[in-house]
Amino acid sequence: MDRRKSIKSIILGSVAGGLAVNGCKPGKEKPLVESTVEVNEKHFGRTPLEKELIAELNAKTFFNAHELETIEVLCNLILPATASIGGAVEAEVPQFIEFMSKDIPEYQPTLRGGLMWLDHKSNADFQAEFKTITEIQQKEILDTIAYPDIDVPEKERPLEIQFFSLVRNLTLTGYYTSKIGIEDIGYKGNMPNVWDGVPEEVLAEYNVSYEEEWLAKCVDQSKRSIIAKWDENGNLVT
């Protein structure tokens, strides 16, 4: 199994327990809605307060141009595009990491410090900035920080190792919550398929049965992957 398939299997296996990184800021937060505010308003998608916060964060800038270019290189190394589907850069993961750095300021020292470490290490080993050296040289540096000692608590690991773990988690989270990443997983959302029918023992208990014309529509296992369709009168047609 190649690295990309391994990552996908991990994401699919852990989807019930959440994504690679928490999506909420840690610690106690002031409630978004005061108890005195009426809650009978109908909102679709983001609430007005959420939209205001997002606009406020988008108006700010944390990374400079050089840092963002380095992040793009990292994202491409972690999850590159394939012949059939785009990678982390195409899914705008660098912009996602920029947003998260502003939404969760606690990330900022680790992210900026790690980027500085990368350039320092690259200059010491290859006399050039990290984003300009060859991919082989880049991977040689990353190999020194990509495999932390799991017996050492995360907060006690060197900054550069914490940095790469954070960037890797943000890259996977940003990618697999993007349109491209969701297509890569093959997730279709909640779609009604052809129902496989009421169990026989339940039908027998109530002394009922399906009409012959409904059997193929409701019980035919070969049609379970077919998306159900109804006519204008609400009758199942497929």
Protein backbone atom coordinates (compact mmCIF):
# COMPACT_ATOMS: atom_id res chain seq x y z
CA MET A 1 0.00 0.00 0.00
CA ASP A 2 1.42 3.40 -0.99
CA ARG A 3 1.61 6.35 1.41
CA ARG A 4 -1.47 8.11 0.01
CA LYS A 5 -3.62 4.98 0.32
CA SER A 6 -2.34 4.46 3.85
CA ILE A 7 -3.34 8.01 4.81
CA LYS A 8 -6.79 7.53 3.26
CA SER A 9 -7.37 4.29 5.16
CA ILE A 10 -6.41 6.02 8.43
CA ILE A 11 -8.82 8.89 7.72
CA LEU A 12 -11.66 6.52 6.82
CA GLY A 13 -10.98 4.37 9.87
CA SER A 14 -11.04 7.30 12.26
CA VAL A 15 -13.86 9.37 10.77
CA ALA A 16 -16.25 8.32 13.53
CA GLY A 17 -13.86 9.65 16.15
CA GLY A 18 -13.03 12.96 14.51
CA LEU A 19 -10.36 14.25 12.16
CA ALA A 20 -6.64 14.49 12.58
CA VAL A 21 -6.75 17.69 14.60
CA ASN A 22 -9.33 19.30 16.84
CA GLY A 23 -11.43 21.85 15.03
CA CYS A 24 -12.23 23.89 18.13
CA LYS A 25 -10.03 26.20 20.10
CA PRO A 26 -9.04 24.65 23.44
CA GLY A 27 -10.00 26.14 26.76
CA LYS A 28 -13.11 27.86 28.01
CA GLU A 29 -14.83 30.16 25.56
CA LYS A 30 -17.47 32.82 26.02
CA PRO A 31 -20.83 31.51 24.75
CA LEU A 32 -21.53 32.64 21.20
CA VAL A 33 -25.17 33.39 22.06
CA GLU A 34 -26.30 34.97 25.32
CA SER A 35 -29.16 33.23 27.13
CA THR A 36 -31.40 36.27 26.61
CA VAL A 37 -31.18 36.11 22.82
CA GLU A 38 -34.12 34.52 21.05
CA VAL A 39 -33.18 31.25 19.37
CA ASN A 40 -36.07 30.91 16.93
CA GLU A 41 -34.09 32.39 14.04
CA LYS A 42 -33.41 30.07 11.13
CA HIS A 43 -29.87 30.04 9.76
CA PHE A 44 -28.46 27.86 7.03
CA GLY A 45 -24.76 27.13 7.26
CA ARG A 46 -22.84 29.72 9.28
CA THR A 47 -24.58 31.93 11.81
CA PRO A 48 -24.19 35.71 11.44
CA LEU A 49 -21.78 35.76 14.39
CA GLU A 50 -19.66 32.98 12.85
CA LYS A 51 -19.56 34.79 9.52
CA GLU A 52 -18.42 37.95 11.29
CA LEU A 53 -15.62 36.09 13.06
CA ILE A 54 -14.48 34.40 9.84
CA ALA A 55 -14.40 37.73 8.02
CA GLU A 56 -12.38 39.22 10.88
CA LEU A 57 -9.83 36.38 10.74
CA ASN A 58 -9.59 36.50 6.94
CA ALA A 59 -8.79 40.21 7.12
CA LYS A 60 -5.68 39.44 9.18
CA THR A 61 -2.35 38.04 7.98
CA PHE A 62 0.02 35.88 9.98
CA PHE A 63 2.52 34.23 7.63
CA ASN A 64 4.68 36.33 5.33
CA ALA A 65 5.15 35.40 1.66
CA HIS A 66 8.31 33.38 2.30
CA GLU A 67 6.68 31.39 5.09
CA LEU A 68 3.60 30.61 2.96
CA GLU A 69 5.81 29.43 0.09
CA THR A 70 7.62 27.11 2.50
CA ILE A 71 4.30 25.79 3.79
CA GLU A 72 3.22 25.07 0.22
CA VAL A 73 6.38 23.02 -0.27
CA LEU A 74 5.67 21.11 2.95
CA CYS A 75 2.04 20.45 2.00
CA ASN A 76 3.10 19.16 -1.39
CA LEU A 77 5.63 16.82 0.22
CA ILE A 78 3.08 15.52 2.74
CA LEU A 79 0.20 15.03 0.31
CA PRO A 80 1.13 15.60 -3.35
CA ALA A 81 -1.22 15.54 -6.30
CA THR A 82 -1.62 12.37 -8.34
CA ALA A 83 -2.39 11.84 -12.01
CA SER A 84 -6.09 11.59 -11.16
CA ILE A 85 -6.69 14.03 -8.29
CA GLY A 86 -5.19 17.16 -6.81
CA GLY A 87 -3.12 17.25 -3.65
CA ALA A 88 -2.94 19.50 -0.60
CA VAL A 89 -1.83 22.57 -2.54
CA GLU A 90 -4.66 22.22 -5.06
CA ALA A 91 -7.09 21.87 -2.12
CA GLU A 92 -5.79 25.21 -0.76
CA VAL A 93 -4.45 23.64 2.42
CA PRO A 94 -1.74 26.34 2.84
CA GLN A 95 -4.56 28.91 3.09
CA PHE A 96 -6.31 26.64 5.60
CA ILE A 97 -3.16 26.50 7.74
CA GLU A 98 -2.92 30.30 7.57
CA PHE A 99 -6.53 30.54 8.77
CA MET A 100 -6.01 28.04 11.60
CA SER A 101 -2.92 29.90 12.78
CA LYS A 102 -5.12 32.96 13.32
CA ASP A 103 -8.09 31.05 14.73
CA ILE A 104 -5.90 29.22 17.25
CA PRO A 105 -3.05 31.61 18.17
CA GLU A 106 -1.47 28.91 20.35
CA TYR A 107 -0.25 27.33 17.10
CA GLN A 108 1.71 30.40 16.05
CA PRO A 109 4.96 29.96 18.03
CA THR A 110 5.28 26.32 16.95
CA LEU A 111 4.53 27.06 13.29
CA ARG A 112 6.78 30.11 12.95
CA GLY A 113 9.55 28.58 15.04
CA GLY A 114 9.44 25.38 13.00
CA LEU A 115 9.68 27.27 9.72
CA MET A 116 12.71 29.15 11.04
CA TRP A 117 14.26 25.83 12.10
CA LEU A 118 13.75 24.39 8.61
CA ASP A 119 15.62 27.24 6.95
CA HIS A 120 18.38 27.15 9.56
CA LYS A 121 18.82 23.39 9.09
CA SER A 122 18.70 23.70 5.32
CA ASN A 123 21.24 26.52 5.27
CA ALA A 124 23.56 24.58 7.57
CA ASP A 125 23.34 21.35 5.56
CA PHE A 126 22.84 22.56 1.97
CA GLN A 127 23.66 26.31 2.03
CA ALA A 128 20.20 27.29 0.77
CA GLU A 129 16.68 27.93 2.05
CA PHE A 130 14.45 24.88 2.52
CA LYS A 131 12.02 25.82 -0.26
CA THR A 132 14.83 26.03 -2.84
CA ILE A 133 16.73 22.79 -2.21
CA THR A 134 15.93 19.58 -4.07
CA GLU A 135 13.07 17.32 -3.02
CA ILE A 136 15.55 14.62 -2.02
CA GLN A 137 17.34 17.09 0.25
CA GLN A 138 14.01 18.32 1.67
CA LYS A 139 12.94 14.78 2.52
CA GLU A 140 16.33 14.12 4.09
CA ILE A 141 15.66 16.96 6.54
CA LEU A 142 12.06 15.94 7.18
CA ASP A 143 13.08 12.36 7.90
CA THR A 144 14.85 13.67 11.02
CA ILE A 145 11.62 15.14 12.47
CA ALA A 146 8.81 13.05 10.97
CA TYR A 147 9.05 10.05 13.30
CA PRO A 148 8.78 11.15 16.95
CA ASP A 149 9.53 8.87 19.87
CA ILE A 150 6.02 7.89 21.00
CA ASP A 151 7.33 7.23 24.52
CA VAL A 152 8.10 10.93 24.91
CA PRO A 153 5.04 13.10 25.70
CA GLU A 154 4.22 15.42 22.80
CA LYS A 155 4.83 18.63 24.74
CA GLU A 156 8.27 17.38 25.77
CA ARG A 157 9.43 16.69 22.21
CA PRO A 158 11.77 19.15 20.44
CA LEU A 159 10.02 22.11 18.82
CA GLU A 160 10.90 20.99 15.31
CA ILE A 161 9.21 17.62 15.88
CA GLN A 162 6.13 19.27 17.37
CA PHE A 163 6.13 21.58 14.36
CA PHE A 164 6.10 18.84 11.75
CA SER A 165 3.44 16.84 13.61
CA LEU A 166 1.24 19.93 13.71
CA VAL A 167 1.75 20.76 10.03
CA ARG A 168 1.08 17.14 9.05
CA ASN A 169 -2.14 17.05 11.10
CA LEU A 170 -3.32 20.39 9.70
CA THR A 171 -2.51 19.25 6.17
CA LEU A 172 -4.56 16.07 6.49
CA THR A 173 -7.44 17.85 8.22
CA GLY A 174 -7.51 20.64 5.66
CA TYR A 175 -7.30 18.25 2.74
CA TYR A 176 -9.91 15.72 3.84
CA THR A 177 -12.42 18.44 4.68
CA SER A 178 -11.99 20.05 1.26
CA LYS A 179 -14.00 19.28 -1.88
CA ILE A 180 -10.99 17.54 -3.45
CA GLY A 181 -10.29 15.47 -0.33
CA ILE A 182 -13.91 14.40 0.05
CA GLU A 183 -13.92 13.29 -3.60
CA ASP A 184 -10.67 11.40 -2.96
CA ILE A 185 -12.31 9.46 -0.11
CA GLY A 186 -15.36 8.81 -2.26
CA TYR A 187 -17.81 10.13 0.35
CA LYS A 188 -21.24 10.74 -1.17
CA GLY A 189 -23.09 12.06 1.85
CA ASN A 190 -26.58 10.99 2.86
CA MET A 191 -28.16 9.64 -0.31
CA PRO A 192 -31.23 7.36 -0.38
CA ASN A 193 -30.49 4.05 -1.98
CA VAL A 194 -32.96 1.30 -2.90
CA TRP A 195 -34.17 -0.12 0.41
CA ASP A 196 -33.59 -3.83 0.96
CA GLY A 197 -36.95 -4.41 2.55
CA VAL A 198 -38.50 -5.33 5.89
CA PRO A 199 -37.01 -8.54 7.36
CA GLU A 200 -39.01 -11.67 6.60
CA GLU A 201 -39.63 -12.43 10.28
CA VAL A 202 -41.23 -9.02 10.77
CA LEU A 203 -43.47 -9.47 7.74
CA ALA A 204 -44.54 -12.89 9.02
CA GLU A 205 -45.27 -11.53 12.50
CA TYR A 206 -47.80 -9.07 11.07
CA ASN A 207 -49.03 -11.46 8.37
CA VAL A 208 -48.19 -9.14 5.50
CA SER A 209 -46.11 -9.46 2.36
CA TYR A 210 -44.84 -7.40 -0.53
CA GLU A 211 -46.70 -7.16 -3.81
CA GLU A 212 -44.81 -8.85 -6.63
CA GLU A 213 -44.13 -5.59 -8.49
CA TRP A 214 -42.42 -4.17 -5.37
CA LEU A 215 -40.15 -7.10 -4.69
CA ALA A 216 -37.55 -6.17 -7.32
CA LYS A 217 -37.60 -2.55 -6.18
CA CYS A 218 -37.34 -3.14 -2.45
CA VAL A 219 -35.59 -6.43 -1.88
CA ASP A 220 -33.30 -7.05 -4.87
CA GLN A 221 -29.83 -6.95 -3.29
CA SER A 222 -28.19 -6.29 -6.66
CA LYS A 223 -29.79 -2.83 -6.65
CA ARG A 224 -28.62 -1.69 -3.21
CA SER A 225 -26.11 0.76 -4.69
CA ILE A 226 -28.71 2.39 -6.95
CA ILE A 227 -29.92 5.78 -5.78
CA ALA A 228 -33.68 5.74 -5.28
CA LYS A 229 -35.94 7.90 -7.48
CA TRP A 230 -39.60 8.75 -7.19
CA ASP A 231 -42.15 10.06 -9.70
CA GLU A 232 -44.15 13.28 -9.23
CA ASN A 233 -46.81 11.34 -7.31
CA GLY A 234 -44.34 9.97 -4.79
CA ASN A 235 -44.17 6.47 -6.26
CA LEU A 236 -40.85 4.66 -6.22
CA VAL A 237 -39.72 4.19 -9.84
CA THR A 238 -36.22 2.77 -9.33
